[in-house]
Amino acid sequence: MSWWSKLFGSSSQQVALNLGSNSIAPTQARARDSEASCKVEFDANGKVLSIETAQGRWAPNLNGQKKYYTQKARSLLQAVEILKKTSSVPQLTYYVIETPDGTLGRDVNGYYTEAPIRTENLRVQARCDKKETVELVSLKGFGNEVANLNCAALLKKSGQYSRLVLLMKCGNCGYESPVETQAGSFVRECYCCGVKNKGHRGSVNVFIGSSKVEI
């Protein structure tokens, strides 16, 4: 079992990271409206089988050496499904999708946010009528996990908004939503079925030079 998978069952971990040339995306460029739509199929047990969505239209924007591709979507589910198709993201390139419930981005390291994403009453196209909160199945990293920790710590140290985005597997439908997390217990709605999931993750002490940042 990797140190990353052990993290979420513990109260604290210490990770020494080298900042190197890791980049942090500034505020994103203006997004363009998208006509992307989503079609969700579930099995007899309510588990997600497939999701179909149009790719939408990316609006390119250059900021020095950095490239931004932006668009709008009707839900966080659509945003995730569109971002999944942006494989092999190069350095200094950022894909950003604005939704009514918040903005989700993806860069070379994985998913990221620059402002809070809503955690309840999300716009969900296939909302389940289950009212009770379920236990999430798993919580795991995506992409370059060490670099994501690196980014979150550096942003927090500089006083900017910073949350670690992890994949939450829904205890109801099994969909993996990239949700913002913090140390301790939390509740998040599934982007696919809307059911509330409860979970817990440990804190991480990231060392930036001689400074320790807890995220």
Protein backbone atom coordinates (compact mmCIF):
# COMPACT_ATOMS: atom_id res chain seq x y z
CA MET A 1 0.00 0.00 0.00
CA SER A 2 1.39 3.41 -1.00
CA TRP A 3 1.94 6.28 1.43
CA TRP A 4 -0.87 8.13 -0.37
CA SER A 5 -3.46 5.40 0.22
CA LYS A 6 -2.39 5.14 3.85
CA LEU A 7 -2.93 8.87 4.33
CA PHE A 8 -6.71 8.84 4.52
CA GLY A 9 -6.88 6.37 7.37
CA SER A 10 -4.49 8.34 9.56
CA SER A 11 -4.63 11.58 11.48
CA SER A 12 -1.42 13.11 10.12
CA GLN A 13 1.40 12.44 7.70
CA GLN A 14 4.62 14.33 7.03
CA VAL A 15 5.79 14.67 3.44
CA ALA A 16 8.95 16.51 2.40
CA LEU A 17 8.46 17.94 -1.10
CA ASN A 18 10.74 19.66 -3.57
CA LEU A 19 8.94 22.60 -5.19
CA GLY A 20 11.11 22.47 -8.30
CA SER A 21 9.47 24.15 -11.31
CA ASN A 22 5.89 23.34 -10.33
CA SER A 23 3.52 26.00 -11.66
CA ILE A 24 0.33 27.41 -10.20
CA ALA A 25 -2.43 28.64 -12.47
CA PRO A 26 -3.64 32.22 -11.94
CA THR A 27 -7.25 33.27 -12.34
CA GLN A 28 -8.65 31.66 -15.47
CA ALA A 29 -9.62 33.37 -18.68
CA ARG A 30 -13.25 34.10 -19.59
CA ALA A 31 -15.28 31.00 -20.41
CA ARG A 32 -17.52 30.55 -23.44
CA ASP A 33 -20.99 29.04 -23.27
CA SER A 34 -21.15 25.35 -24.13
CA GLU A 35 -24.06 23.28 -25.36
CA ALA A 36 -22.67 20.13 -23.77
CA SER A 37 -25.30 17.73 -22.49
CA CYS A 38 -25.11 14.58 -20.37
CA LYS A 39 -26.90 11.22 -20.56
CA VAL A 40 -26.51 8.90 -17.55
CA GLU A 41 -27.36 5.19 -17.50
CA PHE A 42 -27.69 3.17 -14.27
CA ASP A 43 -28.05 -0.58 -13.68
CA ALA A 44 -30.85 -2.24 -11.73
CA ASN A 45 -28.99 -1.59 -8.45
CA GLY A 46 -28.58 2.11 -9.09
CA LYS A 47 -24.89 1.90 -10.03
CA VAL A 48 -23.72 4.11 -12.86
CA LEU A 49 -23.06 2.17 -16.07
CA SER A 50 -22.21 4.88 -18.56
CA ILE A 51 -22.22 8.62 -19.09
CA GLU A 52 -22.36 10.28 -22.48
CA THR A 53 -21.57 13.95 -22.95
CA ALA A 54 -20.60 16.23 -25.78
CA GLN A 55 -17.09 17.65 -25.60
CA GLY A 56 -18.28 21.24 -25.90
CA ARG A 57 -16.31 24.16 -27.36
CA TRP A 58 -13.04 25.27 -25.82
CA ALA A 59 -12.18 28.97 -25.90
CA PRO A 60 -8.36 29.30 -26.13
CA ASN A 61 -6.52 32.12 -24.39
CA LEU A 62 -2.79 32.79 -24.07
CA ASN A 63 -1.18 34.42 -21.04
CA GLY A 64 2.54 34.55 -21.72
CA GLN A 65 3.74 30.96 -21.92
CA LYS A 66 0.54 29.68 -20.30
CA LYS A 67 -2.34 28.35 -22.36
CA TYR A 68 -5.93 28.37 -21.06
CA TYR A 69 -8.87 26.53 -22.56
CA THR A 70 -12.21 27.43 -21.02
CA GLN A 71 -15.88 26.63 -21.44
CA LYS A 72 -19.12 26.46 -19.48
CA ALA A 73 -21.17 23.38 -18.57
CA ARG A 74 -24.56 22.82 -16.98
CA SER A 75 -23.30 20.73 -14.05
CA LEU A 76 -20.16 19.51 -12.29
CA LEU A 77 -20.88 16.05 -13.70
CA GLN A 78 -20.62 17.41 -17.24
CA ALA A 79 -17.46 19.30 -16.31
CA VAL A 80 -15.78 16.14 -15.01
CA GLU A 81 -16.77 14.07 -18.03
CA ILE A 82 -15.43 16.73 -20.40
CA LEU A 83 -12.18 17.11 -18.44
CA LYS A 84 -11.66 13.33 -18.46
CA LYS A 85 -11.14 13.57 -22.21
CA THR A 86 -8.26 16.04 -21.87
CA SER A 87 -5.63 13.34 -21.54
CA SER A 88 -1.88 14.03 -21.48
CA VAL A 89 -2.19 17.68 -20.46
CA PRO A 90 1.16 19.41 -21.15
CA GLN A 91 3.00 21.77 -18.84
CA LEU A 92 1.68 25.35 -18.58
CA THR A 93 -1.70 24.31 -20.01
CA TYR A 94 -4.97 24.64 -18.08
CA TYR A 95 -8.45 23.40 -18.94
CA VAL A 96 -11.16 25.19 -16.95
CA ILE A 97 -14.93 24.61 -16.88
CA GLU A 98 -17.35 26.96 -15.17
CA THR A 99 -20.63 25.52 -13.83
CA PRO A 100 -23.48 26.99 -11.75
CA ASP A 101 -22.04 25.14 -8.72
CA GLY A 102 -18.41 26.16 -9.10
CA THR A 103 -15.42 26.03 -11.43
CA LEU A 104 -13.31 22.92 -11.91
CA GLY A 105 -9.96 22.85 -13.66
CA ARG A 106 -7.41 20.31 -14.83
CA ASP A 107 -3.70 20.80 -15.47
CA VAL A 108 -0.64 18.59 -15.81
CA ASN A 109 -0.97 17.52 -12.15
CA GLY A 110 -4.70 16.71 -12.06
CA TYR A 111 -7.91 18.43 -10.94
CA TYR A 112 -7.79 21.75 -9.09
CA THR A 113 -9.99 24.65 -7.93
CA GLU A 114 -9.31 28.31 -7.20
CA ALA A 115 -12.57 29.03 -5.34
CA PRO A 116 -15.06 26.96 -3.31
CA ILE A 117 -17.30 24.45 -5.07
CA ARG A 118 -20.79 23.99 -3.66
CA THR A 119 -21.21 20.92 -1.45
CA GLU A 120 -25.01 20.64 -1.33
CA ASN A 121 -28.06 21.18 -3.53
CA LEU A 122 -25.95 20.61 -6.62
CA ARG A 123 -27.48 20.68 -10.09
CA VAL A 124 -27.69 16.96 -10.79
CA GLN A 125 -29.33 15.55 -13.92
CA ALA A 126 -30.00 12.09 -12.46
CA ARG A 127 -30.72 12.90 -8.81
CA CYS A 128 -31.54 9.90 -6.61
CA ASP A 129 -34.42 10.22 -4.14
CA LYS A 130 -32.36 8.73 -1.30
CA LYS A 131 -32.39 11.12 1.67
CA GLU A 132 -30.02 9.42 4.10
CA THR A 133 -26.28 10.09 4.00
CA VAL A 134 -24.09 7.17 2.91
CA GLU A 135 -20.46 6.28 3.62
CA LEU A 136 -18.19 7.00 0.67
CA VAL A 137 -16.54 3.91 -0.81
CA SER A 138 -13.08 5.40 -1.28
CA LEU A 139 -11.12 8.64 -1.39
CA LYS A 140 -8.05 8.73 -3.58
CA GLY A 141 -5.73 10.97 -5.50
CA PHE A 142 -5.69 11.56 -9.24
CA GLY A 143 -2.79 12.45 -11.50
CA ASN A 144 0.49 13.58 -9.94
CA GLU A 145 -0.42 13.21 -6.27
CA VAL A 146 2.80 14.61 -4.80
CA ALA A 147 2.68 17.65 -7.08
CA ASN A 148 -0.95 18.28 -6.07
CA LEU A 149 0.06 18.27 -2.40
CA ASN A 150 2.91 20.57 -3.37
CA CYS A 151 0.56 23.03 -5.09
CA ALA A 152 -1.99 23.04 -2.26
CA ALA A 153 0.70 23.74 0.33
CA LEU A 154 2.37 26.51 -1.66
CA LEU A 155 -0.96 28.24 -2.34
CA LYS A 156 -1.92 28.07 1.33
CA LYS A 157 1.48 29.41 2.39
CA SER A 158 1.06 32.37 0.03
CA GLY A 159 -2.40 33.16 1.46
CA GLN A 160 -4.39 32.02 -1.58
CA TYR A 161 -7.40 29.72 -1.66
CA SER A 162 -6.24 26.13 -1.36
CA ARG A 163 -8.07 22.79 -1.07
CA LEU A 164 -6.86 19.32 -1.96
CA VAL A 165 -9.09 17.80 -4.67
CA LEU A 166 -9.56 14.03 -4.37
CA LEU A 167 -11.75 11.46 -6.11
CA MET A 168 -14.69 10.46 -3.90
CA LYS A 169 -16.35 7.18 -4.93
CA CYS A 170 -20.05 7.44 -4.12
CA GLY A 171 -21.48 4.86 -1.71
CA ASN A 172 -24.73 4.95 -3.65
CA CYS A 173 -24.00 4.96 -7.41
CA GLY A 174 -20.24 4.38 -7.48
CA TYR A 175 -19.36 7.52 -9.46
CA GLU A 176 -16.01 9.16 -8.68
CA SER A 177 -16.45 12.89 -8.10
CA PRO A 178 -13.36 15.13 -7.76
CA VAL A 179 -14.32 16.96 -4.56
CA GLU A 180 -12.54 19.52 -2.43
CA THR A 181 -11.44 18.09 0.91
CA GLN A 182 -10.04 19.21 4.22
CA ALA A 183 -8.55 17.31 7.14
CA GLY A 184 -11.18 15.72 9.37
CA SER A 185 -14.77 14.66 8.66
CA PHE A 186 -16.78 16.09 5.78
CA VAL A 187 -19.94 15.54 3.72
CA ARG A 188 -20.08 15.92 -0.06
CA GLU A 189 -22.82 15.35 -2.62
CA CYS A 190 -22.12 12.98 -5.50
CA TYR A 191 -21.90 14.85 -8.82
CA CYS A 192 -23.82 12.06 -10.55
CA CYS A 193 -26.72 11.02 -8.29
CA GLY A 194 -26.70 13.83 -5.72
CA VAL A 195 -26.64 11.54 -2.67
CA LYS A 196 -24.71 12.88 0.32
CA ASN A 197 -21.54 10.98 1.19
CA LYS A 198 -19.68 11.26 4.47
CA GLY A 199 -16.00 10.58 4.90
CA HIS A 200 -12.78 11.51 6.65
CA ARG A 201 -9.18 12.15 5.69
CA GLY A 202 -6.05 12.77 7.68
CA SER A 203 -3.99 15.94 7.63
CA VAL A 204 -0.72 16.23 5.75
CA ASN A 205 2.31 18.24 6.85
CA VAL A 206 4.12 19.46 3.74
CA PHE A 207 7.59 20.93 4.17
CA ILE A 208 8.49 23.88 1.95
CA GLY A 209 12.11 24.57 2.74
CA SER A 210 12.19 25.02 6.53
CA SER A 211 8.45 25.83 6.75
CA LYS A 212 5.74 23.28 7.56
CA VAL A 213 2.30 23.71 5.99
CA GLU A 214 -0.63 21.57 7.12
CA ILE A 215 -3.27 20.76 4.52
